[in-house]
C-alpha atoms as a PDB file:
ATOM      1  CA  MET A   1      66.033  46.110 -28.177  1.00  0.00           C
ATOM      2  CA  LYS A   2      65.956  45.080 -24.562  1.00  0.00           C
ATOM      3  CA  GLU A   3      62.981  43.757 -23.047  1.00  0.00           C
ATOM      4  CA  GLU A   4      60.450  45.809 -20.379  1.00  0.00           C
ATOM      5  CA  LEU A   5      61.250  44.338 -16.689  1.00  0.00           C
ATOM      6  CA  ILE A   6      58.690  44.411 -14.003  1.00  0.00           C
ATOM      7  CA  GLU A   7      59.688  45.353 -10.509  1.00  0.00           C
ATOM      8  CA  ALA A   8      58.497  43.820  -7.141  1.00  0.00           C
ATOM      9  CA  ARG A   9      59.155  44.225  -3.410  1.00  0.00           C
ATOM     10  CA  GLY A  10      59.540  41.205  -1.430  1.00  0.00           C
ATOM     11  CA  LYS A  11      60.946  39.625   1.314  1.00  0.00           C
ATOM     12  CA  VAL A  12      63.670  36.481   1.181  1.00  0.00           C
ATOM     13  CA  VAL A  13      61.983  33.466   2.904  1.00  0.00           C
ATOM     14  CA  LYS A  14      64.384  30.930   2.539  1.00  0.00           C
ATOM     15  CA  LEU A  15      68.280  30.866   0.858  1.00  0.00           C
ATOM     16  CA  LEU A  16      69.223  28.018  -1.622  1.00  0.00           C
ATOM     17  CA  PRO A  17      72.654  27.381  -3.789  1.00  0.00           C
ATOM     18  CA  ASN A  18      73.978  29.296  -5.801  1.00  0.00           C
ATOM     19  CA  ALA A  19      73.354  32.247  -4.806  1.00  0.00           C
ATOM     20  CA  SER A  20      69.749  31.834  -5.187  1.00  0.00           C
ATOM     21  CA  PHE A  21      66.936  32.833  -3.177  1.00  0.00           C
ATOM     22  CA  ARG A  22      62.904  32.168  -2.365  1.00  0.00           C
ATOM     23  CA  VAL A  23      60.927  35.487  -2.326  1.00  0.00           C
ATOM     24  CA  MET A  24      57.785  36.265  -1.457  1.00  0.00           C
ATOM     25  CA  LEU A  25      56.701  38.749  -3.136  1.00  0.00           C
ATOM     26  CA  GLU A  26      53.797  41.725  -1.555  1.00  0.00           C
ATOM     27  CA  ASN A  27      50.986  40.243  -4.074  1.00  0.00           C
ATOM     28  CA  GLY A  28      51.605  36.587  -2.402  1.00  0.00           C
ATOM     29  CA  SER A  29      53.414  34.668  -4.861  1.00  0.00           C
ATOM     30  CA  GLU A  30      56.346  33.160  -5.086  1.00  0.00           C
ATOM     31  CA  MET A  31      59.603  33.207  -6.716  1.00  0.00           C
ATOM     32  CA  ILE A  32      63.357  31.933  -7.124  1.00  0.00           C
ATOM     33  CA  ALA A  33      65.429  34.735  -7.523  1.00  0.00           C
ATOM     34  CA  TYR A  34      69.030  34.894  -7.958  1.00  0.00           C
ATOM     35  CA  THR A  35      71.552  37.709  -6.923  1.00  0.00           C
ATOM     36  CA  SER A  36      72.387  40.571 -10.027  1.00  0.00           C
ATOM     37  CA  GLY A  37      75.810  40.939 -10.630  1.00  0.00           C
ATOM     38  CA  LYS A  38      76.494  44.219  -8.890  1.00  0.00           C
ATOM     39  CA  VAL A  39      75.128  43.109  -5.426  1.00  0.00           C
ATOM     40  CA  ARG A  40      77.372  40.001  -5.733  1.00  0.00           C
ATOM     41  CA  LYS A  41      79.965  42.173  -6.443  1.00  0.00           C
ATOM     42  CA  ASN A  42      79.987  44.812  -3.452  1.00  0.00           C
ATOM     43  CA  LYS A  43      79.523  41.520  -1.245  1.00  0.00           C
ATOM     44  CA  ILE A  44      75.939  42.602  -0.170  1.00  0.00           C
ATOM     45  CA  ARG A  45      74.921  39.733   2.351  1.00  0.00           C
ATOM     46  CA  ILE A  46      71.420  38.868   1.807  1.00  0.00           C
ATOM     47  CA  LEU A  47      69.883  36.753   4.229  1.00  0.00           C
ATOM     48  CA  ALA A  48      65.897  35.267   5.435  1.00  0.00           C
ATOM     49  CA  GLY A  49      64.037  38.059   6.619  1.00  0.00           C
ATOM     50  CA  ASP A  50      65.468  40.789   4.163  1.00  0.00           C
ATOM     51  CA  GLU A  51      63.420  42.977   2.194  1.00  0.00           C
ATOM     52  CA  VAL A  52      64.819  43.459  -1.693  1.00  0.00           C
ATOM     53  CA  LEU A  53      63.449  44.471  -5.588  1.00  0.00           C
ATOM     54  CA  VAL A  54      62.979  41.900  -7.706  1.00  0.00           C
ATOM     55  CA  GLN A  55      63.238  42.175 -11.353  1.00  0.00           C
ATOM     56  CA  ILE A  56      61.473  39.998 -13.092  1.00  0.00           C
ATOM     57  CA  THR A  57      61.220  39.213 -17.481  1.00  0.00           C
ATOM     58  CA  PRO A  58      57.646  38.767 -18.169  1.00  0.00           C
ATOM     59  CA  TYR A  59      58.953  35.689 -20.678  1.00  0.00           C
ATOM     60  CA  ASP A  60      58.941  33.721 -16.898  1.00  0.00           C
ATOM     61  CA  PRO A  61      57.471  35.261 -13.968  1.00  0.00           C
ATOM     62  CA  ASP A  62      58.701  32.218 -11.875  1.00  0.00           C
ATOM     63  CA  ARG A  63      61.973  33.783 -12.102  1.00  0.00           C
ATOM     64  CA  GLY A  64      63.871  37.143 -11.036  1.00  0.00           C
ATOM     65  CA  ARG A  65      66.827  38.859 -10.164  1.00  0.00           C
ATOM     66  CA  VAL A  66      67.794  40.376  -6.932  1.00  0.00           C
ATOM     67  CA  VAL A  67      68.851  43.810  -7.894  1.00  0.00           C
ATOM     68  CA  LEU A  68      68.111  45.965  -4.420  1.00  0.00           C
ATOM     69  CA  ARG A  69      68.780  45.115  -0.407  1.00  0.00           C
ATOM     70  CA  TYR A  70      66.587  47.287   1.259  1.00  0.00           C
ATOM     71  CA  LYS A  71      67.990  48.912   4.705  1.00  0.00           C
ATOM     72  CA  LYS A  72      66.846  47.867   7.661  1.00  0.00           C
ATOM     73  CA  GLU A  73      64.898  50.043   9.752  1.00  0.00           C
ATOM     74  CA  HIS A  74      65.875  49.765  13.239  1.00  0.00           C
ATOM     75  CA  ASN A  75      65.252  52.121  16.596  1.00  0.00           C
ATOM     76  CA  ALA A  76      67.385  49.772  18.798  1.00  0.00           C
ATOM     77  CA  THR A  77      70.149  52.584  20.952  1.00  0.00           C
ATOM     78  CA  ASN A  78      73.956  53.237  19.157  1.00  0.00           C
ATOM     79  CA  LYS A  79      76.351  50.715  20.580  1.00  0.00           C
ATOM     80  CA  TYR A  80      79.142  52.937  20.058  1.00  0.00           C
ATOM     81  CA  PRO A  81      77.884  56.632  21.590  1.00  0.00           C
ATOM     82  CA  ASP A  82      79.201  59.149  20.512  1.00  0.00           C
ATOM     83  CA  PRO A  83      83.029  60.232  21.582  1.00  0.00           C
ATOM     84  CA  ASP A  84      81.885  64.343  21.984  1.00  0.00           C
ATOM     85  CA  SER A  85      79.005  64.056  23.964  1.00  0.00           C
ATOM     86  CA  ASN A  86      79.700  64.324  28.179  1.00  0.00           C
ATOM     87  CA  ASN A  87      81.065  61.040  29.460  1.00  0.00           C
ATOM     88  CA  PRO A  88      81.411  61.025  32.877  1.00  0.00           C
ATOM     89  CA  ASN A  89      84.403  58.668  32.358  1.00  0.00           C
ATOM     90  CA  LYS A  90      86.680  61.383  30.045  1.00  0.00           C
ATOM     91  CA  ASP A  91      89.155  63.491  31.680  1.00  0.00           C
ATOM     92  CA  ALA A  92      88.224  67.012  31.087  1.00  0.00           C
END
């Protein structure tokens, strides 16, 4: 029988050795989390300041597993403009 996992959203505070992270959860508690196999297999880079989803087992609430990194929303302008847009340097 598989135990029920608790999922919580948090922010990576510090990178630790062996693909571990110190994560601050939304409720204010801090824990150590490691990357799940799926995240490691797909080579998803997790850096300090990233928002992540952590699975926590009820048996040890001080450790968890990072299963998802949320995409950062940024309002920066596009570095690579659309090639079909009106470009004054484009030959017509």
